[in-house]
Each structure stands twice: as C-alpha cells, then as structure tokens.
Amino acid sequence: MRKMVKPEVKCKQCKATIKQQETAVFCDYCNKLIGLERYYLDITVFKVNDETEHVEFCSWKCVFAWLKKNKSKMKNWNFISLPYIICEQSTDKKKYVDVYHGFFKALTET
C-alpha cells in the first residue's frame, strides 16, 4: 500500500505547488516500509465486479501468507496477476521452483 509521508506544500499567496507530496510503499501484509527505491513484489487482483486491487509485498513469505489469508475471498476474483520471477543466474533456478511450490502450497493448504 502507498501512504503519504510528506504532504504537498503550496504557496499561500498564489496556491502554486512548491513541494510535491512524497509517498512510500508499505507491505500490505506486514506493514513493513519498503520505500520507492527498492524493488517490491506486486499483485493485481481482478475482481468479479470489474474492480481491481493492487497489493504490494516486501517478500515472497508475505505473498504466500497473504494468499492463505485471502483464500476465502478468491471466489469473488476473476484472476490475479502474480509478481514476476526473475532468475538472473543459473543458480537461481532452484529459487524459481521454490517460489512456484510456495504458491501451490499457499493455495492448496486448508
């Protein structure tokens, strides 16, 4: 989730913006500050009533925990877009497989 950290500052006379507001990204599961300069995991939920919801996470652990927590709400979703998995080196292939196993585990456990 994005929260405003510093509000917009306007000139009192002409109402022109002097400083724009600053926002920061927080994890939607654990509320940890992620910040804008760091990479974060994001999911878009496409609901049955044509609404979309964007959720942001600091780690895969929080993604899996959020999926487990919201499993009962999934009947009201058309689909979700999952975060990209980027394997930069050949040694990362195990992490790639572990992430997908984590998704299946989070969605199938009761």
PDB file of N, CA and C in Angstrom:
ATOM      1  N   MET A   1       0.835  -1.163   0.000  1.00  0.00           N
ATOM      2  CA  MET A   1       0.000   0.000   0.000  1.00  0.00           C
ATOM      3  C   MET A   1       0.882   1.228   0.000  1.00  0.00           C
ATOM      4  N   ARG A   2       0.378   2.254  -0.570  1.00  0.00           N
ATOM      5  CA  ARG A   2       1.121   3.514  -0.630  1.00  0.00           C
ATOM      6  C   ARG A   2       0.506   4.485   0.370  1.00  0.00           C
ATOM      7  N   LYS A   3       1.386   5.110   1.142  1.00  0.00           N
ATOM      8  CA  LYS A   3       0.942   6.098   2.129  1.00  0.00           C
ATOM      9  C   LYS A   3       1.703   7.393   1.909  1.00  0.00           C
ATOM     10  N   MET A   4       1.016   8.492   2.148  1.00  0.00           N
ATOM     11  CA  MET A   4       1.658   9.780   2.045  1.00  0.00           C
ATOM     12  C   MET A   4       2.574   9.973   3.252  1.00  0.00           C
ATOM     13  N   VAL A   5       3.835  10.339   3.001  1.00  0.00           N
ATOM     14  CA  VAL A   5       4.788  10.550   4.082  1.00  0.00           C
ATOM     15  C   VAL A   5       4.947  12.045   4.364  1.00  0.00           C
ATOM     16  N   LYS A   6       4.957  12.839   3.305  1.00  0.00           N
ATOM     17  CA  LYS A   6       5.036  14.290   3.448  1.00  0.00           C
ATOM     18  C   LYS A   6       3.974  14.913   2.557  1.00  0.00           C
ATOM     19  N   PRO A   7       3.174  15.828   3.113  1.00  0.00           N
ATOM     20  CA  PRO A   7       2.112  16.429   2.303  1.00  0.00           C
ATOM     21  C   PRO A   7       2.658  17.460   1.302  1.00  0.00           C
ATOM     22  N   GLU A   8       1.839  17.789   0.348  1.00  0.00           N
ATOM     23  CA  GLU A   8       2.171  18.787  -0.648  1.00  0.00           C
ATOM     24  C   GLU A   8       2.245  20.165   0.021  1.00  0.00           C
ATOM     25  N   VAL A   9       3.202  20.979  -0.398  1.00  0.00           N
ATOM     26  CA  VAL A   9       3.339  22.337   0.143  1.00  0.00           C
ATOM     27  C   VAL A   9       2.994  23.316  -0.965  1.00  0.00           C
ATOM     28  N   LYS A  10       2.047  24.224  -0.659  1.00  0.00           N
ATOM     29  CA  LYS A  10       1.616  25.212  -1.654  1.00  0.00           C
ATOM     30  C   LYS A  10       1.929  26.611  -1.162  1.00  0.00           C
ATOM     31  N   CYS A  11       2.142  27.495  -2.099  1.00  0.00           N
ATOM     32  CA  CYS A  11       2.352  28.902  -1.795  1.00  0.00           C
ATOM     33  C   CYS A  11       1.038  29.470  -1.270  1.00  0.00           C
ATOM     34  N   LYS A  12       1.107  30.206  -0.175  1.00  0.00           N
ATOM     35  CA  LYS A  12      -0.121  30.749   0.434  1.00  0.00           C
ATOM     36  C   LYS A  12      -0.748  31.854  -0.403  1.00  0.00           C
ATOM     37  N   GLN A  13       0.073  32.545  -1.195  1.00  0.00           N
ATOM     38  CA  GLN A  13      -0.460  33.649  -1.988  1.00  0.00           C
ATOM     39  C   GLN A  13      -1.035  33.188  -3.327  1.00  0.00           C
ATOM     40  N   CYS A  14      -0.237  32.439  -4.088  1.00  0.00           N
ATOM     41  CA  CYS A  14      -0.680  32.090  -5.446  1.00  0.00           C
ATOM     42  C   CYS A  14      -1.183  30.646  -5.565  1.00  0.00           C
ATOM     43  N   LYS A  15      -1.061  29.854  -4.509  1.00  0.00           N
ATOM     44  CA  LYS A  15      -1.523  28.455  -4.477  1.00  0.00           C
ATOM     45  C   LYS A  15      -0.752  27.526  -5.405  1.00  0.00           C
ATOM     46  N   ALA A  16       0.412  27.981  -5.875  1.00  0.00           N
ATOM     47  CA  ALA A  16       1.256  27.120  -6.713  1.00  0.00           C
ATOM     48  C   ALA A  16       1.937  26.079  -5.821  1.00  0.00           C
ATOM     49  N   THR A  17       2.185  24.902  -6.379  1.00  0.00           N
ATOM     50  CA  THR A  17       2.835  23.844  -5.618  1.00  0.00           C
ATOM     51  C   THR A  17       4.325  24.139  -5.495  1.00  0.00           C
ATOM     52  N   ILE A  18       4.807  24.212  -4.264  1.00  0.00           N
ATOM     53  CA  ILE A  18       6.228  24.447  -4.006  1.00  0.00           C
ATOM     54  C   ILE A  18       6.952  23.102  -3.895  1.00  0.00           C
ATOM     55  N   LYS A  19       6.390  22.203  -3.123  1.00  0.00           N
ATOM     56  CA  LYS A  19       6.934  20.855  -2.978  1.00  0.00           C
ATOM     57  C   LYS A  19       5.806  19.859  -3.176  1.00  0.00           C
ATOM     58  N   GLN A  20       6.073  18.836  -3.976  1.00  0.00           N
ATOM     59  CA  GLN A  20       5.063  17.805  -4.192  1.00  0.00           C
ATOM     60  C   GLN A  20       5.033  16.847  -3.008  1.00  0.00           C
ATOM     61  N   GLN A  21       3.901  16.191  -2.827  1.00  0.00           N
ATOM     62  CA  GLN A  21       3.802  15.232  -1.726  1.00  0.00           C
ATOM     63  C   GLN A  21       4.707  14.038  -1.978  1.00  0.00           C
ATOM     64  N   GLU A  22       5.180  13.423  -0.904  1.00  0.00           N
ATOM     65  CA  GLU A  22       6.020  12.240  -1.007  1.00  0.00           C
ATOM     66  C   GLU A  22       5.245  11.048  -0.465  1.00  0.00           C
ATOM     67  N   THR A  23       5.312   9.953  -1.209  1.00  0.00           N
ATOM     68  CA  THR A  23       4.660   8.724  -0.770  1.00  0.00           C
ATOM     69  C   THR A  23       5.710   7.630  -0.611  1.00  0.00           C
ATOM     70  N   ALA A  24       5.369   6.644   0.179  1.00  0.00           N
ATOM     71  CA  ALA A  24       6.235   5.490   0.378  1.00  0.00           C
ATOM     72  C   ALA A  24       5.397   4.229   0.239  1.00  0.00           C
ATOM     73  N   VAL A  25       6.060   3.122  -0.089  1.00  0.00           N
ATOM     74  CA  VAL A  25       5.381   1.842  -0.265  1.00  0.00           C
ATOM     75  C   VAL A  25       5.569   1.008   0.998  1.00  0.00           C
ATOM     76  N   PHE A  26       4.466   0.473   1.510  1.00  0.00           N
ATOM     77  CA  PHE A  26       4.474  -0.400   2.676  1.00  0.00           C
ATOM     78  C   PHE A  26       3.920  -1.753   2.263  1.00  0.00           C
ATOM     79  N   CYS A  27       4.409  -2.810   2.884  1.00  0.00           N
ATOM     80  CA  CYS A  27       3.927  -4.161   2.606  1.00  0.00           C
ATOM     81  C   CYS A  27       2.467  -4.267   3.049  1.00  0.00           C
ATOM     82  N   ASP A  28       1.616  -4.827   2.191  1.00  0.00           N
ATOM     83  CA  ASP A  28       0.191  -4.970   2.517  1.00  0.00           C
ATOM     84  C   ASP A  28      -0.074  -6.075   3.525  1.00  0.00           C
ATOM     85  N   TYR A  29       0.905  -6.899   3.791  1.00  0.00           N
ATOM     86  CA  TYR A  29       0.697  -7.964   4.777  1.00  0.00           C
ATOM     87  C   TYR A  29       1.288  -7.607   6.137  1.00  0.00           C
ATOM     88  N   CYS A  30       2.571  -7.231   6.173  1.00  0.00           N
ATOM     89  CA  CYS A  30       3.235  -6.980   7.468  1.00  0.00           C
ATOM     90  C   CYS A  30       3.416  -5.494   7.774  1.00  0.00           C
ATOM     91  N   ASN A  31       3.030  -4.618   6.857  1.00  0.00           N
ATOM     92  CA  ASN A  31       3.137  -3.159   7.003  1.00  0.00           C
ATOM     93  C   ASN A  31       4.568  -2.647   7.130  1.00  0.00           C
ATOM     94  N   LYS A  32       5.540  -3.425   6.698  1.00  0.00           N
ATOM     95  CA  LYS A  32       6.938  -3.001   6.720  1.00  0.00           C
ATOM     96  C   LYS A  32       7.163  -1.965   5.618  1.00  0.00           C
ATOM     97  N   LEU A  33       7.950  -0.941   5.934  1.00  0.00           N
ATOM     98  CA  LEU A  33       8.277   0.079   4.945  1.00  0.00           C
ATOM     99  C   LEU A  33       9.173  -0.522   3.878  1.00  0.00           C
ATOM    100  N   ILE A  34       8.755  -0.428   2.630  1.00  0.00           N
ATOM    101  CA  ILE A  34       9.554  -0.930   1.519  1.00  0.00           C
ATOM    102  C   ILE A  34      10.303   0.231   0.881  1.00  0.00           C
ATOM    103  N   GLY A  35       9.639   1.352   0.716  1.00  0.00           N
ATOM    104  CA  GLY A  35      10.250   2.511   0.069  1.00  0.00           C
ATOM    105  C   GLY A  35      10.078   2.442  -1.434  1.00  0.00           C
ATOM    106  N   LEU A  36      10.351   3.545  -2.096  1.00  0.00           N
ATOM    107  CA  LEU A  36      10.183   3.593  -3.541  1.00  0.00           C
ATOM    108  C   LEU A  36      11.439   3.186  -4.299  1.00  0.00           C
ATOM    109  N   GLU A  37      12.597   3.264  -3.660  1.00  0.00           N
ATOM    110  CA  GLU A  37      13.826   2.946  -4.363  1.00  0.00           C
ATOM    111  C   GLU A  37      14.103   1.454  -4.409  1.00  0.00           C
ATOM    112  N   ARG A  38      13.435   0.656  -3.603  1.00  0.00           N
ATOM    113  CA  ARG A  38      13.687  -0.775  -3.531  1.00  0.00           C
ATOM    114  C   ARG A  38      12.649  -1.538  -4.350  1.00  0.00           C
ATOM    115  N   TYR A  39      13.053  -2.645  -4.918  1.00  0.00           N
ATOM    116  CA  TYR A  39      12.136  -3.495  -5.673  1.00  0.00           C
ATOM    117  C   TYR A  39      11.139  -4.137  -4.709  1.00  0.00           C
ATOM    118  N   TYR A  40       9.898  -4.198  -5.087  1.00  0.00           N
ATOM    119  CA  TYR A  40       8.891  -4.856  -4.281  1.00  0.00           C
ATOM    120  C   TYR A  40       8.035  -5.746  -5.175  1.00  0.00           C
ATOM    121  N   LEU A  41       7.356  -6.688  -4.566  1.00  0.00           N
ATOM    122  CA  LEU A  41       6.506  -7.637  -5.282  1.00  0.00           C
ATOM    123  C   LEU A  41       5.085  -7.096  -5.303  1.00  0.00           C
ATOM    124  N   ASP A  42       4.480  -7.058  -6.458  1.00  0.00           N
ATOM    125  CA  ASP A  42       3.116  -6.556  -6.535  1.00  0.00           C
ATOM    126  C   ASP A  42       2.201  -7.557  -7.226  1.00  0.00           C
ATOM    127  N   ILE A  43       0.964  -7.574  -6.749  1.00  0.00           N
ATOM    128  CA  ILE A  43      -0.086  -8.442  -7.291  1.00  0.00           C
ATOM    129  C   ILE A  43      -1.269  -7.550  -7.643  1.00  0.00           C
ATOM    130  N   THR A  44      -1.899  -7.823  -8.757  1.00  0.00           N
ATOM    131  CA  THR A  44      -3.131  -7.140  -9.116  1.00  0.00           C
ATOM    132  C   THR A  44      -4.262  -8.158  -9.057  1.00  0.00           C
ATOM    133  N   VAL A  45      -5.281  -7.836  -8.285  1.00  0.00           N
ATOM    134  CA  VAL A  45      -6.450  -8.709  -8.152  1.00  0.00           C
ATOM    135  C   VAL A  45      -7.554  -8.138  -9.036  1.00  0.00           C
ATOM    136  N   PHE A  46      -8.039  -8.944  -9.966  1.00  0.00           N
ATOM    137  CA  PHE A  46      -9.135  -8.558 -10.844  1.00  0.00           C
ATOM    138  C   PHE A  46     -10.401  -9.219 -10.305  1.00  0.00           C
ATOM    139  N   LYS A  47     -11.287  -8.406  -9.762  1.00  0.00           N
ATOM    140  CA  LYS A  47     -12.479  -8.928  -9.094  1.00  0.00           C
ATOM    141  C   LYS A  47     -13.619  -9.140 -10.080  1.00  0.00           C
ATOM    142  N   VAL A  48     -14.619  -9.903  -9.649  1.00  0.00           N
ATOM    143  CA  VAL A  48     -15.769 -10.241 -10.481  1.00  0.00           C
ATOM    144  C   VAL A  48     -16.544  -8.990 -10.902  1.00  0.00           C
ATOM    145  N   ASN A  49     -16.604  -7.987 -10.034  1.00  0.00           N
ATOM    146  CA  ASN A  49     -17.375  -6.777 -10.328  1.00  0.00           C
ATOM    147  C   ASN A  49     -16.560  -5.740 -11.114  1.00  0.00           C
ATOM    148  N   ASP A  50     -15.533  -6.193 -11.838  1.00  0.00           N
ATOM    149  CA  ASP A  50     -14.674  -5.364 -12.693  1.00  0.00           C
ATOM    150  C   ASP A  50     -13.819  -4.352 -11.939  1.00  0.00           C
ATOM    151  N   GLU A  51     -13.681  -4.507 -10.638  1.00  0.00           N
ATOM    152  CA  GLU A  51     -12.764  -3.663  -9.877  1.00  0.00           C
ATOM    153  C   GLU A  51     -11.395  -4.333  -9.853  1.00  0.00           C
ATOM    154  N   THR A  52     -10.371  -3.525  -9.673  1.00  0.00           N
ATOM    155  CA  THR A  52      -9.032  -4.068  -9.491  1.00  0.00           C
ATOM    156  C   THR A  52      -8.461  -3.571  -8.178  1.00  0.00           C
ATOM    157  N   GLU A  53      -7.626  -4.383  -7.592  1.00  0.00           N
ATOM    158  CA  GLU A  53      -6.959  -4.033  -6.344  1.00  0.00           C
ATOM    159  C   GLU A  53      -5.477  -4.340  -6.509  1.00  0.00           C
ATOM    160  N   HIS A  54      -4.642  -3.372  -6.170  1.00  0.00           N
ATOM    161  CA  HIS A  54      -3.193  -3.555  -6.248  1.00  0.00           C
ATOM    162  C   HIS A  54      -2.665  -3.755  -4.832  1.00  0.00           C
ATOM    163  N   VAL A  55      -1.916  -4.827  -4.637  1.00  0.00           N
ATOM    164  CA  VAL A  55      -1.312  -5.105  -3.333  1.00  0.00           C
ATOM    165  C   VAL A  55       0.190  -5.287  -3.531  1.00  0.00           C
ATOM    166  N   GLU A  56       0.964  -4.787  -2.567  1.00  0.00           N
ATOM    167  CA  GLU A  56       2.419  -4.785  -2.677  1.00  0.00           C
ATOM    168  C   GLU A  56       3.022  -5.467  -1.459  1.00  0.00           C
ATOM    169  N   PHE A  57       4.110  -6.205  -1.692  1.00  0.00           N
ATOM    170  CA  PHE A  57       4.717  -7.008  -0.626  1.00  0.00           C
ATOM    171  C   PHE A  57       6.219  -6.814  -0.580  1.00  0.00           C
ATOM    172  N   CYS A  58       6.784  -7.058   0.609  1.00  0.00           N
ATOM    173  CA  CYS A  58       8.229  -6.925   0.791  1.00  0.00           C
ATOM    174  C   CYS A  58       8.958  -8.238   0.537  1.00  0.00           C
ATOM    175  N   SER A  59       8.263  -9.370   0.603  1.00  0.00           N
ATOM    176  CA  SER A  59       8.922 -10.666   0.425  1.00  0.00           C
ATOM    177  C   SER A  59       7.929 -11.702  -0.083  1.00  0.00           C
ATOM    178  N   TRP A  60       8.478 -12.813  -0.578  1.00  0.00           N
ATOM    179  CA  TRP A  60       7.627 -13.925  -1.021  1.00  0.00           C
ATOM    180  C   TRP A  60       6.888 -14.524   0.169  1.00  0.00           C
ATOM    181  N   LYS A  61       7.512 -14.506   1.316  1.00  0.00           N
ATOM    182  CA  LYS A  61       6.863 -15.025   2.523  1.00  0.00           C
ATOM    183  C   LYS A  61       5.549 -14.285   2.784  1.00  0.00           C
ATOM    184  N   CYS A  62       5.568 -12.967   2.637  1.00  0.00           N
ATOM    185  CA  CYS A  62       4.348 -12.178   2.826  1.00  0.00           C
ATOM    186  C   CYS A  62       3.327 -12.442   1.725  1.00  0.00           C
ATOM    187  N   VAL A  63       3.791 -12.670   0.495  1.00  0.00           N
ATOM    188  CA  VAL A  63       2.874 -13.003  -0.610  1.00  0.00           C
ATOM    189  C   VAL A  63       2.114 -14.285  -0.279  1.00  0.00           C
ATOM    190  N   PHE A  64       2.854 -15.326   0.130  1.00  0.00           N
ATOM    191  CA  PHE A  64       2.219 -16.616   0.434  1.00  0.00           C
ATOM    192  C   PHE A  64       1.268 -16.496   1.615  1.00  0.00           C
ATOM    193  N   ALA A  65       1.671 -15.761   2.656  1.00  0.00           N
ATOM    194  CA  ALA A  65       0.818 -15.586   3.835  1.00  0.00           C
ATOM    195  C   ALA A  65      -0.454 -14.823   3.463  1.00  0.00           C
ATOM    196  N   TRP A  66      -0.332 -13.811   2.608  1.00  0.00           N
ATOM    197  CA  TRP A  66      -1.495 -13.030   2.173  1.00  0.00           C
ATOM    198  C   TRP A  66      -2.446 -13.905   1.352  1.00  0.00           C
ATOM    199  N   LEU A  67      -1.889 -14.744   0.469  1.00  0.00           N
ATOM    200  CA  LEU A  67      -2.732 -15.644  -0.326  1.00  0.00           C
ATOM    201  C   LEU A  67      -3.503 -16.605   0.570  1.00  0.00           C
ATOM    202  N   LYS A  68      -2.822 -17.163   1.575  1.00  0.00           N
ATOM    203  CA  LYS A  68      -3.505 -18.060   2.521  1.00  0.00           C
ATOM    204  C   LYS A  68      -4.622 -17.330   3.253  1.00  0.00           C
ATOM    205  N   LYS A  69      -4.327 -16.129   3.722  1.00  0.00           N
ATOM    206  CA  LYS A  69      -5.292 -15.343   4.492  1.00  0.00           C
ATOM    207  C   LYS A  69      -6.523 -14.991   3.649  1.00  0.00           C
ATOM    208  N   ASN A  70      -6.336 -14.724   2.369  1.00  0.00           N
ATOM    209  CA  ASN A  70      -7.419 -14.284   1.493  1.00  0.00           C
ATOM    210  C   ASN A  70      -8.004 -15.389   0.630  1.00  0.00           C
ATOM    211  N   LYS A  71      -7.697 -16.617   0.961  1.00  0.00           N
ATOM    212  CA  LYS A  71      -8.174 -17.764   0.172  1.00  0.00           C
ATOM    213  C   LYS A  71      -9.704 -17.805   0.071  1.00  0.00           C
ATOM    214  N   SER A  72     -10.383 -17.446   1.140  1.00  0.00           N
ATOM    215  CA  SER A  72     -11.855 -17.488   1.134  1.00  0.00           C
ATOM    216  C   SER A  72     -12.460 -16.408   0.226  1.00  0.00           C
ATOM    217  N   LYS A  73     -11.722 -15.352  -0.050  1.00  0.00           N
ATOM    218  CA  LYS A  73     -12.224 -14.266  -0.904  1.00  0.00           C
ATOM    219  C   LYS A  73     -12.039 -14.564  -2.392  1.00  0.00           C
ATOM    220  N   MET A  74     -11.298 -15.609  -2.710  1.00  0.00           N
ATOM    221  CA  MET A  74     -10.948 -15.881  -4.105  1.00  0.00           C
ATOM    222  C   MET A  74     -12.153 -16.182  -4.989  1.00  0.00           C
ATOM    223  N   LYS A  75     -13.253 -16.587  -4.401  1.00  0.00           N
ATOM    224  CA  LYS A  75     -14.446 -16.857  -5.223  1.00  0.00           C
ATOM    225  C   LYS A  75     -14.995 -15.571  -5.842  1.00  0.00           C
ATOM    226  N   ASN A  76     -14.596 -14.416  -5.304  1.00  0.00           N
ATOM    227  CA  ASN A  76     -15.032 -13.121  -5.831  1.00  0.00           C
ATOM    228  C   ASN A  76     -14.002 -12.509  -6.778  1.00  0.00           C
ATOM    229  N   TRP A  77     -12.998 -13.284  -7.146  1.00  0.00           N
ATOM    230  CA  TRP A  77     -11.962 -12.804  -8.052  1.00  0.00           C
ATOM    231  C   TRP A  77     -12.064 -13.521  -9.388  1.00  0.00           C
ATOM    232  N   ASN A  78     -11.856 -12.794 -10.469  1.00  0.00           N
ATOM    233  CA  ASN A  78     -11.736 -13.438 -11.779  1.00  0.00           C
ATOM    234  C   ASN A  78     -10.362 -14.089 -11.898  1.00  0.00           C
ATOM    235  N   PHE A  79      -9.312 -13.312 -11.641  1.00  0.00           N
ATOM    236  CA  PHE A  79      -7.951 -13.833 -11.641  1.00  0.00           C
ATOM    237  C   PHE A  79      -7.035 -12.828 -10.959  1.00  0.00           C
ATOM    238  N   ILE A  80      -5.787 -13.240 -10.721  1.00  0.00           N
ATOM    239  CA  ILE A  80      -4.788 -12.339 -10.171  1.00  0.00           C
ATOM    240  C   ILE A  80      -3.532 -12.406 -11.035  1.00  0.00           C
ATOM    241  N   SER A  81      -2.841 -11.283 -11.115  1.00  0.00           N
ATOM    242  CA  SER A  81      -1.534 -11.284 -11.787  1.00  0.00           C
ATOM    243  C   SER A  81      -0.485 -11.399 -10.694  1.00  0.00           C
ATOM    244  N   LEU A  82       0.376 -12.370 -10.835  1.00  0.00           N
ATOM    245  CA  LEU A  82       1.386 -12.641  -9.823  1.00  0.00           C
ATOM    246  C   LEU A  82       2.657 -11.852 -10.113  1.00  0.00           C
ATOM    247  N   PRO A  83       3.490 -11.653  -9.102  1.00  0.00           N
ATOM    248  CA  PRO A  83       4.752 -10.933  -9.324  1.00  0.00           C
ATOM    249  C   PRO A  83       5.645 -11.684 -10.301  1.00  0.00           C
ATOM    250  N   TYR A  84       6.459 -10.936 -11.013  1.00  0.00           N
ATOM    251  CA  TYR A  84       7.426 -11.546 -11.921  1.00  0.00           C
ATOM    252  C   TYR A  84       8.506 -12.260 -11.118  1.00  0.00           C
ATOM    253  N   ILE A  85       8.964 -13.374 -11.653  1.00  0.00           N
ATOM    254  CA  ILE A  85      10.080 -14.087 -11.053  1.00  0.00           C
ATOM    255  C   ILE A  85      11.237 -13.947 -12.028  1.00  0.00           C
ATOM    256  N   ILE A  86      12.320 -13.353 -11.558  1.00  0.00           N
ATOM    257  CA  ILE A  86      13.465 -13.095 -12.410  1.00  0.00           C
ATOM    258  C   ILE A  86      14.636 -13.943 -11.924  1.00  0.00           C
ATOM    259  N   CYS A  87      15.123 -14.812 -12.784  1.00  0.00           N
ATOM    260  CA  CYS A  87      16.295 -15.631 -12.464  1.00  0.00           C
ATOM    261  C   CYS A  87      17.481 -15.046 -13.213  1.00  0.00           C
ATOM    262  N   GLU A  88      18.348 -14.354 -12.480  1.00  0.00           N
ATOM    263  CA  GLU A  88      19.477 -13.682 -13.120  1.00  0.00           C
ATOM    264  C   GLU A  88      20.643 -14.623 -13.391  1.00  0.00           C
ATOM    265  N   GLN A  89      20.771 -15.672 -12.585  1.00  0.00           N
ATOM    266  CA  GLN A  89      21.872 -16.611 -12.765  1.00  0.00           C
ATOM    267  C   GLN A  89      21.304 -18.027 -12.801  1.00  0.00           C
ATOM    268  N   SER A  90      22.092 -18.934 -13.314  1.00  0.00           N
ATOM    269  CA  SER A  90      21.621 -20.321 -13.396  1.00  0.00           C
ATOM    270  C   SER A  90      21.420 -20.918 -12.005  1.00  0.00           C
ATOM    271  N   THR A  91      22.114 -20.391 -10.984  1.00  0.00           N
ATOM    272  CA  THR A  91      21.964 -20.912  -9.624  1.00  0.00           C
ATOM    273  C   THR A  91      20.621 -20.518  -9.021  1.00  0.00           C
ATOM    274  N   ASP A  92      19.943 -19.534  -9.627  1.00  0.00           N
ATOM    275  CA  ASP A  92      18.656 -19.080  -9.112  1.00  0.00           C
ATOM    276  C   ASP A  92      17.497 -19.975  -9.530  1.00  0.00           C
ATOM    277  N   LYS A  93      17.735 -20.985 -10.360  1.00  0.00           N
ATOM    278  CA  LYS A  93      16.644 -21.832 -10.853  1.00  0.00           C
ATOM    279  C   LYS A  93      15.945 -22.565  -9.710  1.00  0.00           C
ATOM    280  N   LYS A  94      16.683 -22.930  -8.680  1.00  0.00           N
ATOM    281  CA  LYS A  94      16.067 -23.591  -7.535  1.00  0.00           C
ATOM    282  C   LYS A  94      15.098 -22.631  -6.834  1.00  0.00           C
ATOM    283  N   LYS A  95      15.472 -21.369  -6.706  1.00  0.00           N
ATOM    284  CA  LYS A  95      14.591 -20.375  -6.105  1.00  0.00           C
ATOM    285  C   LYS A  95      13.307 -20.238  -6.924  1.00  0.00           C
ATOM    286  N   TYR A  96      13.446 -20.266  -8.247  1.00  0.00           N
ATOM    287  CA  TYR A  96      12.317 -20.172  -9.161  1.00  0.00           C
ATOM    288  C   TYR A  96      11.315 -21.289  -8.889  1.00  0.00           C
ATOM    289  N   VAL A  97      11.803 -22.509  -8.775  1.00  0.00           N
ATOM    290  CA  VAL A  97      10.955 -23.665  -8.496  1.00  0.00           C
ATOM    291  C   VAL A  97      10.350 -23.556  -7.088  1.00  0.00           C
ATOM    292  N   ASP A  98      11.156 -23.125  -6.113  1.00  0.00           N
ATOM    293  CA  ASP A  98      10.665 -22.972  -4.739  1.00  0.00           C
ATOM    294  C   ASP A  98       9.525 -21.975  -4.650  1.00  0.00           C
ATOM    295  N   VAL A  99       9.613 -20.900  -5.419  1.00  0.00           N
ATOM    296  CA  VAL A  99       8.552 -19.887  -5.397  1.00  0.00           C
ATOM    297  C   VAL A  99       7.247 -20.490  -5.897  1.00  0.00           C
ATOM    298  N   TYR A 100       7.286 -21.223  -7.004  1.00  0.00           N
ATOM    299  CA  TYR A 100       6.057 -21.824  -7.524  1.00  0.00           C
ATOM    300  C   TYR A 100       5.511 -22.907  -6.598  1.00  0.00           C
ATOM    301  N   HIS A 101       6.380 -23.643  -5.955  1.00  0.00           N
ATOM    302  CA  HIS A 101       5.907 -24.607  -4.962  1.00  0.00           C
ATOM    303  C   HIS A 101       5.219 -23.871  -3.805  1.00  0.00           C
ATOM    304  N   GLY A 102       5.757 -22.728  -3.431  1.00  0.00           N
ATOM    305  CA  GLY A 102       5.146 -21.918  -2.372  1.00  0.00           C
ATOM    306  C   GLY A 102       3.749 -21.443  -2.747  1.00  0.00           C
ATOM    307  N   PHE A 103       3.558 -21.044  -4.017  1.00  0.00           N
ATOM    308  CA  PHE A 103       2.225 -20.637  -4.478  1.00  0.00           C
ATOM    309  C   PHE A 103       1.241 -21.786  -4.362  1.00  0.00           C
ATOM    310  N   PHE A 104       1.618 -22.939  -4.892  1.00  0.00           N
ATOM    311  CA  PHE A 104       0.707 -24.082  -4.840  1.00  0.00           C
ATOM    312  C   PHE A 104       0.398 -24.496  -3.409  1.00  0.00           C
ATOM    313  N   LYS A 105       1.403 -24.439  -2.559  1.00  0.00           N
ATOM    314  CA  LYS A 105       1.209 -24.797  -1.146  1.00  0.00           C
ATOM    315  C   LYS A 105       0.256 -23.805  -0.474  1.00  0.00           C
ATOM    316  N   ALA A 106       0.465 -22.522  -0.728  1.00  0.00           N
ATOM    317  CA  ALA A 106      -0.390 -21.488  -0.116  1.00  0.00           C
ATOM    318  C   ALA A 106      -1.842 -21.619  -0.574  1.00  0.00           C
ATOM    319  N   LEU A 107      -2.049 -22.036  -1.802  1.00  0.00           N
ATOM    320  CA  LEU A 107      -3.405 -22.111  -2.341  1.00  0.00           C
ATOM    321  C   LEU A 107      -4.105 -23.435  -2.050  1.00  0.00           C
ATOM    322  N   THR A 108      -3.345 -24.489  -1.741  1.00  0.00           N
ATOM    323  CA  THR A 108      -3.982 -25.789  -1.533  1.00  0.00           C
ATOM    324  C   THR A 108      -4.103 -26.186  -0.076  1.00  0.00           C
ATOM    325  N   GLU A 109      -3.324 -25.570   0.815  1.00  0.00           N
ATOM    326  CA  GLU A 109      -3.449 -25.927   2.242  1.00  0.00           C
ATOM    327  C   GLU A 109      -4.737 -25.371   2.807  1.00  0.00           C
ATOM    328  N   THR A 110      -5.291 -26.064   3.764  1.00  0.00           N
ATOM    329  CA  THR A 110      -6.524 -25.592   4.390  1.00  0.00           C
ATOM    330  C   THR A 110      -6.253 -24.948   5.715  1.00  0.00           C
TER     331      THR A 110
END
